[in-house]
Amino acid sequence: MRSVERKVTIHSDERKLRNHIDLAQYAGFPVYLFDFEFLLGHVPQITTWKREKIETIIGARVDHVLDRADVRIAGGPGFYVIFSSRDAEIAQVRANVISTDILKHFFGTESLIPEAARAFCRLSDLKSVAGDLGVKLPSDQEIAAAAVGAAKKRVDQDNVAQEQQPASSLIADMNALFRRHFGEQRREPPKFLFAPIWDSAQERTASFACVPALSRVRGNVAEKPGLAATICDTDISALAFGLKGAWHVVSRGEIALITVPVHIETLSWSKYRTAYLQELAQIEHSLLNLLAFRIYGLDTGASLSQLKQGVSVLRRHAKRIFAYLPSVGIDFSNAGVMGLTGIFASAPDHIFRSGDLALLTVVASKLRRICANQNAFACVDNVQCGAAVGLLKSQGIRFVAGPIFDRPSEEPGPVKPFPLSDIIGTSLVGI
């Protein structure tokens, strides 16, 4: 079992390192520029659009084509794509696919795309990317000096004559420049804690939710998680923390379920879904069985077909899948049975501010009806007083979570009986 922990840790650390220096490895890889100026000159209806709107529309059409290791960078007259394949023909074909898809979107049909469209997508280089990002390139003299210095160092170390290689030196210098530039841009990986979940049927704490270590979260996730790529990275970080928590529980001789959040967008976009599933494939089966997945990011008007697809994707790897609802007013009547283990809803703060727990009965009743149609356990989060715990148990809510039980901690707490009699009358002690 120790070897499993070591393998997972190394994998996680390698991925964090890659996140910080991902552009450094692309020196010498094909780079293409997609020029917004061409679109503005040929599509009159977008001339009044802000650049952000164009980038949003185009970005959605580009990302589903890119491989996990490819990078799209906004800058200069449009955006660049650095392809991770050194095969120039493959990069050209994929660049053409992206270009054709975008132009068909704006022109309506491929036959109407003018011949000048090749000006929209053209081969570029890493130097152009650096220039548009304001990254200073080494001078020819610096390149030559670095090459001489590198060659001399190799001779001194290996006592073997080496030829000077200015081209290799340029790549090394570019690597260092991009590593420095993007290392400053990257945010620190998010940190997660473990919050206890109470089982009302067994009256014990035997599972834990992996939640962001933020001063204020809603639905166990940040209110504004960011762009799709950032969301995916956050979900994978949560998976790594959840796995660490599961290992911690096993190492002390206990068994507990750890729920980890995964955003609906991560499961919906092909590129990010593939990245997430690749991470799941790295986890040993015995540890994966200790993880449950909590799909978040739904909004009140969300398509339940999107949720159904997400459950189907996770079902290949997971035995237990939960959904986190933004509202108990969502209509599941025509959704069909999705295969959810349970459905979470958050107890509104105003219920505890007003002290009117009758309002909590309404929430519990609606949630229970949804769960009955889905053959799923009803779960309520954000519970802030012992009386509410007793009420929810009487209403048939199976799992209860919230600050009433304890503050989230660095590691999952003990698996232990927690009788309702010990909870009733307890005041809020958490965040």
Protein backbone atom coordinates (compact mmCIF):
# COMPACT_ATOMS: atom_id res chain seq x y z
CA MET A 1 0.00 0.00 0.00
CA ARG A 2 2.90 2.37 0.67
CA SER A 3 3.98 2.10 -2.95
CA VAL A 4 0.54 3.27 -4.04
CA GLU A 5 0.84 6.40 -1.91
CA ARG A 6 4.26 7.14 -3.37
CA LYS A 7 3.02 6.72 -6.94
CA VAL A 8 0.05 9.02 -6.42
CA THR A 9 2.13 11.69 -4.70
CA ILE A 10 4.73 11.77 -7.45
CA HIS A 11 2.04 11.95 -10.10
CA SER A 12 0.38 14.87 -8.34
CA ASP A 13 3.66 16.73 -7.84
CA GLU A 14 4.68 16.25 -11.45
CA ARG A 15 1.39 17.70 -12.60
CA LYS A 16 1.74 20.76 -10.36
CA LEU A 17 5.24 21.34 -11.74
CA ARG A 18 3.90 21.06 -15.26
CA ASN A 19 1.19 23.59 -14.51
CA HIS A 20 3.86 26.11 -13.57
CA ILE A 21 6.17 25.61 -16.55
CA ASP A 22 3.79 24.25 -19.18
CA LEU A 23 4.94 26.69 -21.87
CA ALA A 24 8.60 25.94 -21.31
CA GLN A 25 8.31 22.59 -23.06
CA TYR A 26 6.85 24.05 -26.24
CA ALA A 27 10.00 25.61 -27.66
CA GLY A 28 10.36 24.21 -31.16
CA PHE A 29 6.70 23.15 -31.40
CA PRO A 30 4.46 24.48 -34.22
CA VAL A 31 2.83 27.82 -33.41
CA TYR A 32 -0.14 29.27 -35.32
CA LEU A 33 -1.63 32.75 -35.15
CA PHE A 34 -5.39 33.24 -35.60
CA ASP A 35 -5.91 36.86 -36.59
CA PHE A 36 -8.93 38.78 -35.29
CA GLU A 37 -8.17 41.59 -37.73
CA PHE A 38 -9.20 39.33 -40.59
CA LEU A 39 -12.57 38.62 -38.96
CA LEU A 40 -13.17 42.30 -38.22
CA GLY A 41 -12.45 43.12 -41.85
CA HIS A 42 -14.80 40.48 -43.30
CA VAL A 43 -17.64 40.10 -40.76
CA PRO A 44 -19.42 43.48 -40.43
CA GLN A 45 -21.73 42.44 -37.57
CA ILE A 46 -18.84 41.93 -35.15
CA THR A 47 -17.06 45.23 -35.73
CA THR A 48 -18.79 46.73 -32.68
CA TRP A 49 -18.10 43.76 -30.43
CA LYS A 50 -15.65 43.93 -27.59
CA ARG A 51 -12.62 41.71 -27.89
CA GLU A 52 -13.75 39.71 -24.85
CA LYS A 53 -16.94 38.65 -26.64
CA ILE A 54 -15.04 37.49 -29.72
CA GLU A 55 -12.58 35.58 -27.54
CA THR A 56 -15.40 33.88 -25.63
CA ILE A 57 -17.13 32.66 -28.80
CA ILE A 58 -13.94 31.58 -30.50
CA GLY A 59 -12.44 30.04 -27.37
CA ALA A 60 -15.37 27.65 -27.03
CA ARG A 61 -14.85 26.49 -30.62
CA VAL A 62 -11.10 26.09 -30.23
CA ASP A 63 -10.77 24.30 -26.92
CA HIS A 64 -12.71 21.20 -27.96
CA VAL A 65 -10.19 20.62 -30.79
CA LEU A 66 -7.05 21.06 -28.70
CA ASP A 67 -5.27 18.22 -26.98
CA ARG A 68 -4.61 18.42 -23.27
CA ALA A 69 -1.00 19.45 -23.85
CA ASP A 70 -1.79 22.19 -26.40
CA VAL A 71 -1.88 25.81 -25.25
CA ARG A 72 -4.05 28.69 -26.48
CA ILE A 73 -2.72 32.16 -25.68
CA ALA A 74 -4.59 35.42 -26.21
CA GLY A 75 -2.28 38.17 -27.37
CA GLY A 76 -1.34 40.52 -30.19
CA PRO A 77 -3.79 40.72 -33.08
CA GLY A 78 -5.70 37.60 -32.04
CA PHE A 79 -4.63 34.43 -30.32
CA TYR A 80 -1.89 31.84 -30.70
CA VAL A 81 -2.09 28.06 -30.47
CA ILE A 82 1.05 26.13 -29.60
CA PHE A 83 0.56 22.52 -30.71
CA SER A 84 2.23 19.78 -28.68
CA SER A 85 3.00 17.64 -31.74
CA ARG A 86 6.31 18.26 -33.47
CA ASP A 87 4.81 16.86 -36.68
CA ALA A 88 4.25 19.98 -38.82
CA GLU A 89 1.65 18.25 -41.02
CA ILE A 90 -0.46 17.19 -38.04
CA ALA A 91 -0.32 20.72 -36.62
CA GLN A 92 -1.31 22.16 -40.02
CA VAL A 93 -4.32 19.83 -40.28
CA ARG A 94 -5.52 20.68 -36.78
CA ALA A 95 -5.00 24.40 -37.36
CA ASN A 96 -7.13 24.08 -40.52
CA VAL A 97 -9.87 22.31 -38.57
CA ILE A 98 -9.95 25.15 -36.04
CA SER A 99 -9.87 27.82 -38.74
CA THR A 100 -12.64 26.20 -40.80
CA ASP A 101 -14.90 25.73 -37.77
CA ILE A 102 -14.54 29.38 -36.72
CA LEU A 103 -15.05 30.74 -40.22
CA LYS A 104 -18.08 28.53 -40.86
CA HIS A 105 -19.56 29.92 -37.65
CA PHE A 106 -19.17 33.52 -38.82
CA PHE A 107 -19.79 33.07 -42.56
CA GLY A 108 -22.59 30.52 -42.27
CA THR A 109 -21.27 28.06 -44.82
CA GLU A 110 -17.81 26.85 -45.78
CA SER A 111 -18.40 27.63 -49.46
CA LEU A 112 -18.68 31.33 -48.65
CA ILE A 113 -15.31 31.51 -46.95
CA PRO A 114 -13.09 33.64 -49.23
CA GLU A 115 -9.71 32.44 -50.40
CA ALA A 116 -8.15 35.17 -48.30
CA ALA A 117 -9.21 33.15 -45.24
CA ARG A 118 -5.73 31.67 -45.08
CA ALA A 119 -4.72 35.09 -43.77
CA PHE A 120 -6.87 34.36 -40.72
CA CYS A 121 -4.71 31.38 -39.73
CA ARG A 122 -1.00 31.42 -40.39
CA LEU A 123 2.16 29.81 -39.13
CA SER A 124 3.98 31.86 -36.51
CA ASP A 125 6.73 31.22 -33.97
CA LEU A 126 7.51 31.38 -30.29
CA LYS A 127 9.40 34.66 -30.73
CA SER A 128 6.17 36.35 -31.87
CA VAL A 129 4.36 35.00 -28.84
CA ALA A 130 7.10 36.30 -26.58
CA GLY A 131 6.99 39.71 -28.24
CA ASP A 132 3.23 40.06 -27.85
CA LEU A 133 3.45 39.03 -24.20
CA GLY A 134 6.24 41.47 -23.49
CA VAL A 135 8.78 38.77 -22.71
CA LYS A 136 12.26 40.02 -23.56
CA LEU A 137 14.15 37.79 -25.95
CA PRO A 138 17.90 37.19 -25.63
CA SER A 139 20.09 39.08 -28.11
CA ASP A 140 22.21 37.26 -30.69
CA GLN A 141 25.27 38.04 -28.57
CA GLU A 142 23.61 36.57 -25.49
CA ILE A 143 22.62 33.49 -27.45
CA ALA A 144 26.17 32.98 -28.70
CA ALA A 145 27.67 33.62 -25.26
CA ALA A 146 25.25 31.17 -23.66
CA ALA A 147 26.11 28.58 -26.28
CA VAL A 148 29.84 28.97 -25.62
CA GLY A 149 29.30 28.84 -21.87
CA ALA A 150 27.09 25.77 -22.11
CA ALA A 151 29.60 23.98 -24.32
CA LYS A 152 32.51 24.85 -21.98
CA LYS A 153 30.55 23.61 -18.98
CA ARG A 154 29.83 20.31 -20.67
CA VAL A 155 33.50 19.90 -21.53
CA ASP A 156 34.55 20.67 -17.97
CA GLN A 157 31.99 18.27 -16.51
CA ASP A 158 32.31 15.37 -18.92
CA ASN A 159 35.82 15.95 -20.25
CA VAL A 160 34.34 15.32 -23.66
CA ALA A 161 34.53 17.81 -26.53
CA GLN A 162 31.10 19.15 -27.45
CA GLU A 163 30.09 21.22 -30.43
CA GLN A 164 28.57 24.61 -29.79
CA GLN A 165 24.83 24.57 -30.52
CA PRO A 166 23.33 28.10 -30.65
CA ALA A 167 19.90 26.76 -31.66
CA SER A 168 19.75 24.53 -28.58
CA SER A 169 20.86 27.46 -26.46
CA LEU A 170 18.06 29.59 -27.83
CA ILE A 171 15.53 26.94 -26.89
CA ALA A 172 17.00 26.73 -23.39
CA ASP A 173 16.89 30.51 -23.04
CA MET A 174 13.32 30.62 -24.29
CA ASN A 175 12.41 27.91 -21.82
CA ALA A 176 13.84 29.98 -18.98
CA LEU A 177 12.11 33.16 -20.18
CA PHE A 178 8.70 31.52 -20.45
CA ARG A 179 9.13 29.65 -17.21
CA ARG A 180 9.90 32.93 -15.45
CA HIS A 181 7.08 34.83 -17.14
CA PHE A 182 4.34 32.27 -16.66
CA GLY A 183 5.54 31.22 -13.26
CA GLU A 184 4.75 34.76 -12.11
CA GLN A 185 1.31 34.60 -13.69
CA ARG A 186 0.20 31.30 -12.20
CA ARG A 187 -1.89 31.22 -9.06
CA GLU A 188 -1.01 28.87 -6.24
CA PRO A 189 -2.82 25.52 -6.38
CA PRO A 190 -6.04 25.64 -4.34
CA LYS A 191 -6.05 24.04 -0.92
CA PHE A 192 -8.83 21.82 0.41
CA LEU A 193 -10.01 20.73 3.85
CA PHE A 194 -12.28 17.94 5.09
CA ALA A 195 -15.73 18.63 6.55
CA PRO A 196 -17.66 15.87 8.39
CA ILE A 197 -20.94 14.47 7.06
CA TRP A 198 -23.41 12.97 9.51
CA ASP A 199 -25.37 9.79 8.68
CA SER A 200 -28.80 10.17 10.27
CA ALA A 201 -29.68 6.47 9.93
CA GLN A 202 -26.59 5.27 11.77
CA GLU A 203 -26.14 8.44 13.84
CA ARG A 204 -22.43 8.52 13.17
CA THR A 205 -19.81 10.47 11.26
CA ALA A 206 -18.43 8.13 8.63
CA SER A 207 -17.86 10.33 5.58
CA PHE A 208 -16.17 13.64 4.81
CA ALA A 209 -16.58 16.30 2.13
CA CYS A 210 -13.45 17.70 0.49
CA VAL A 211 -14.13 21.46 0.49
CA PRO A 212 -12.08 24.56 -0.51
CA ALA A 213 -10.14 26.21 2.28
CA LEU A 214 -11.90 29.54 1.77
CA SER A 215 -13.40 31.89 4.30
CA ARG A 216 -16.76 31.67 2.56
CA VAL A 217 -18.03 29.07 0.13
CA ARG A 218 -21.44 28.26 -1.26
CA GLY A 219 -22.32 24.68 -1.99
CA ASN A 220 -18.86 23.52 -0.92
CA VAL A 221 -17.30 25.33 -3.89
CA ALA A 222 -16.17 28.86 -4.66
CA GLU A 223 -18.98 31.08 -5.96
CA LYS A 224 -16.98 32.21 -9.03
CA PRO A 225 -14.61 29.38 -9.92
CA GLY A 226 -13.30 30.99 -13.13
CA LEU A 227 -12.58 29.75 -16.64
CA ALA A 228 -13.06 26.15 -17.76
CA ALA A 229 -9.33 25.33 -17.67
CA THR A 230 -9.02 26.76 -14.14
CA ILE A 231 -12.13 24.87 -13.03
CA CYS A 232 -10.68 21.61 -14.36
CA ASP A 233 -7.37 22.23 -12.57
CA THR A 234 -9.26 22.96 -9.35
CA ASP A 235 -11.28 19.76 -9.70
CA ILE A 236 -8.12 17.73 -10.23
CA SER A 237 -6.55 19.39 -7.19
CA ALA A 238 -9.64 18.45 -5.18
CA LEU A 239 -9.28 14.88 -6.44
CA ALA A 240 -5.66 14.81 -5.26
CA PHE A 241 -6.63 16.14 -1.83
CA GLY A 242 -9.52 13.69 -1.61
CA LEU A 243 -7.22 10.81 -2.42
CA LYS A 244 -4.79 12.01 0.24
CA GLY A 245 -7.68 12.06 2.73
CA ALA A 246 -8.78 8.55 1.78
CA TRP A 247 -5.23 7.29 2.22
CA HIS A 248 -5.01 8.97 5.62
CA VAL A 249 -8.17 7.22 6.78
CA VAL A 250 -7.00 3.82 5.53
CA SER A 251 -3.54 4.24 7.09
CA ARG A 252 -5.08 4.64 10.53
CA GLY A 253 -7.13 1.44 10.06
CA GLU A 254 -10.55 3.01 9.40
CA ILE A 255 -12.95 3.13 6.48
CA ALA A 256 -14.69 6.37 5.48
CA LEU A 257 -16.11 7.78 2.29
CA ILE A 258 -14.54 11.00 0.94
CA THR A 259 -16.65 13.11 -1.42
CA VAL A 260 -14.81 15.32 -3.91
CA PRO A 261 -16.32 18.15 -5.99
CA VAL A 262 -16.27 18.04 -9.80
CA HIS A 263 -17.78 20.85 -11.89
CA ILE A 264 -20.42 20.09 -14.52
CA GLU A 265 -18.28 21.98 -17.08
CA THR A 266 -15.33 19.66 -16.47
CA LEU A 267 -17.55 16.71 -17.31
CA SER A 268 -19.21 18.41 -20.29
CA TRP A 269 -16.21 19.67 -22.31
CA SER A 270 -14.38 16.89 -24.14
CA LYS A 271 -10.89 18.26 -23.45
CA TYR A 272 -11.38 18.71 -19.70
CA ARG A 273 -13.45 15.55 -19.29
CA THR A 274 -10.58 13.57 -20.86
CA ALA A 275 -8.05 15.25 -18.57
CA TYR A 276 -10.13 14.47 -15.48
CA LEU A 277 -10.76 10.85 -16.46
CA GLN A 278 -7.06 10.37 -17.13
CA GLU A 279 -6.43 11.35 -13.52
CA LEU A 280 -9.07 8.89 -12.29
CA ALA A 281 -7.42 6.13 -14.31
CA GLN A 282 -4.23 6.61 -12.27
CA ILE A 283 -5.92 5.75 -8.96
CA GLU A 284 -5.76 2.26 -7.55
CA HIS A 285 -9.19 0.62 -7.54
CA SER A 286 -9.26 -0.04 -3.78
CA LEU A 287 -8.69 3.66 -3.06
CA LEU A 288 -11.05 4.84 -5.80
CA ASN A 289 -13.84 2.92 -4.07
CA LEU A 290 -13.42 5.23 -1.07
CA LEU A 291 -14.15 8.32 -3.18
CA ALA A 292 -17.57 9.68 -4.03
CA PHE A 293 -18.10 12.49 -6.54
CA ARG A 294 -20.18 15.60 -5.93
CA ILE A 295 -21.22 17.31 -9.17
CA TYR A 296 -21.53 21.07 -8.71
CA GLY A 297 -21.89 24.11 -10.97
CA LEU A 298 -25.53 23.59 -11.95
CA ASP A 299 -27.65 26.71 -12.12
CA THR A 300 -31.40 27.03 -11.73
CA GLY A 301 -31.97 26.82 -15.47
CA ALA A 302 -29.38 24.10 -16.13
CA SER A 303 -30.18 21.34 -18.59
CA LEU A 304 -30.64 18.09 -16.70
CA SER A 305 -29.43 16.25 -19.78
CA GLN A 306 -26.03 17.80 -19.04
CA LEU A 307 -26.19 16.40 -15.51
CA LYS A 308 -27.27 13.01 -16.83
CA GLN A 309 -24.30 12.96 -19.19
CA GLY A 310 -21.95 13.87 -16.34
CA VAL A 311 -23.27 11.04 -14.18
CA SER A 312 -22.87 8.62 -17.09
CA VAL A 313 -19.25 9.70 -17.60
CA LEU A 314 -18.36 9.25 -13.92
CA ARG A 315 -20.22 5.96 -13.65
CA ARG A 316 -17.38 4.22 -15.51
CA HIS A 317 -15.09 4.93 -12.56
CA ALA A 318 -17.27 5.68 -9.54
CA LYS A 319 -19.77 3.73 -7.47
CA ARG A 320 -21.21 6.76 -5.67
CA ILE A 321 -22.18 10.03 -7.32
CA PHE A 322 -23.94 12.97 -5.73
CA ALA A 323 -25.31 16.17 -7.26
CA TYR A 324 -25.36 19.57 -5.58
CA LEU A 325 -28.52 21.53 -6.45
CA PRO A 326 -28.69 25.32 -6.51
CA SER A 327 -32.40 25.11 -5.70
CA VAL A 328 -34.95 22.50 -4.66
CA GLY A 329 -37.27 24.08 -7.22
CA ILE A 330 -35.61 22.25 -10.13
CA ASP A 331 -38.04 19.96 -11.96
CA PHE A 332 -36.75 16.38 -12.19
CA SER A 333 -40.10 14.88 -13.23
CA ASN A 334 -39.08 14.27 -16.85
CA ALA A 335 -35.40 13.62 -16.27
CA GLY A 336 -35.57 9.87 -15.83
CA VAL A 337 -33.56 8.01 -13.20
CA MET A 338 -29.98 9.22 -13.52
CA GLY A 339 -28.25 6.80 -11.18
CA LEU A 340 -27.37 9.34 -8.51
CA THR A 341 -26.46 8.04 -5.08
CA GLY A 342 -27.69 11.20 -3.39
CA ILE A 343 -28.69 14.80 -3.95
CA PHE A 344 -27.44 17.69 -1.82
CA ALA A 345 -29.23 20.98 -1.20
CA SER A 346 -28.01 23.84 0.95
CA ALA A 347 -30.06 25.06 3.89
CA PRO A 348 -30.58 28.82 3.34
CA ASP A 349 -28.80 31.10 5.81
CA HIS A 350 -31.92 33.18 6.43
CA ILE A 351 -33.61 30.19 8.09
CA PHE A 352 -31.05 30.24 10.89
CA ARG A 353 -31.01 34.03 11.11
CA SER A 354 -34.77 34.09 11.56
CA GLY A 355 -34.92 30.99 13.74
CA ASP A 356 -37.97 29.80 11.77
CA LEU A 357 -37.12 26.13 11.22
CA ALA A 358 -40.55 25.56 9.66
CA LEU A 359 -39.02 26.94 6.47
CA LEU A 360 -36.45 24.14 6.61
CA THR A 361 -39.31 21.64 6.55
CA VAL A 362 -40.39 23.03 3.19
CA VAL A 363 -36.86 22.62 1.78
CA ALA A 364 -36.62 19.08 3.13
CA SER A 365 -40.02 18.12 1.73
CA LYS A 366 -39.20 19.32 -1.80
CA LEU A 367 -35.79 17.67 -1.73
CA ARG A 368 -37.28 14.40 -0.49
CA ARG A 369 -39.74 14.33 -3.42
CA ILE A 370 -36.91 14.88 -5.93
CA CYS A 371 -34.87 12.11 -4.34
CA ALA A 372 -37.81 9.70 -4.26
CA ASN A 373 -38.13 10.01 -8.05
CA GLN A 374 -34.38 9.45 -8.43
CA ASN A 375 -34.06 6.60 -5.91
CA ALA A 376 -31.40 8.74 -4.24
CA PHE A 377 -30.55 9.73 -0.67
CA ALA A 378 -31.60 13.22 0.39
CA CYS A 379 -28.71 15.29 1.77
CA VAL A 380 -28.71 18.78 3.30
CA ASP A 381 -25.67 21.00 3.78
CA ASN A 382 -25.04 24.27 5.68
CA VAL A 383 -26.92 23.14 8.81
CA GLN A 384 -26.13 25.49 11.68
CA CYS A 385 -27.96 24.29 14.80
CA GLY A 386 -28.72 21.03 16.59
CA ALA A 387 -32.51 21.51 16.39
CA ALA A 388 -32.25 21.61 12.60
CA VAL A 389 -30.38 18.30 12.61
CA GLY A 390 -33.19 16.67 14.58
CA LEU A 391 -35.82 18.14 12.27
CA LEU A 392 -34.03 16.90 9.14
CA LYS A 393 -33.66 13.40 10.57
CA SER A 394 -37.39 13.32 11.28
CA GLN A 395 -38.01 14.45 7.69
CA GLY A 396 -36.09 11.49 6.29
CA ILE A 397 -32.92 13.36 5.28
CA ARG A 398 -30.17 10.73 5.26
CA PHE A 399 -26.98 12.82 5.24
CA VAL A 400 -26.51 16.15 7.03
CA ALA A 401 -23.49 18.45 6.88
CA GLY A 402 -22.61 21.94 7.98
CA PRO A 403 -20.73 24.01 10.55
CA ILE A 404 -22.81 22.56 13.40
CA PHE A 405 -20.68 19.41 13.30
CA ASP A 406 -17.18 20.86 13.32
CA ARG A 407 -14.82 23.09 11.42
CA PRO A 408 -13.23 21.60 8.29
CA SER A 409 -9.80 20.20 9.13
CA GLU A 410 -6.54 19.42 7.36
CA GLU A 411 -7.25 15.70 7.59
CA PRO A 412 -10.49 13.71 7.90
CA GLY A 413 -11.55 13.49 11.53
CA PRO A 414 -12.25 10.28 13.42
CA VAL A 415 -14.93 7.87 12.26
CA LYS A 416 -17.18 7.66 15.29
CA PRO A 417 -20.73 7.35 16.60
CA PHE A 418 -22.39 10.74 17.05
CA PRO A 419 -25.83 10.27 18.66
CA LEU A 420 -28.54 12.81 17.90
CA SER A 421 -28.94 13.35 21.63
CA ASP A 422 -25.41 14.76 21.71
CA ILE A 423 -26.20 17.14 18.86
CA ILE A 424 -29.57 18.53 19.94
CA GLY A 425 -29.09 21.88 21.63
CA THR A 426 -25.60 22.31 20.20
CA SER A 427 -24.84 25.80 18.91
CA LEU A 428 -22.91 26.60 15.76
CA VAL A 429 -19.19 25.98 16.27
CA GLY A 430 -17.82 26.09 12.72
CA ILE A 431 -17.28 28.70 10.05
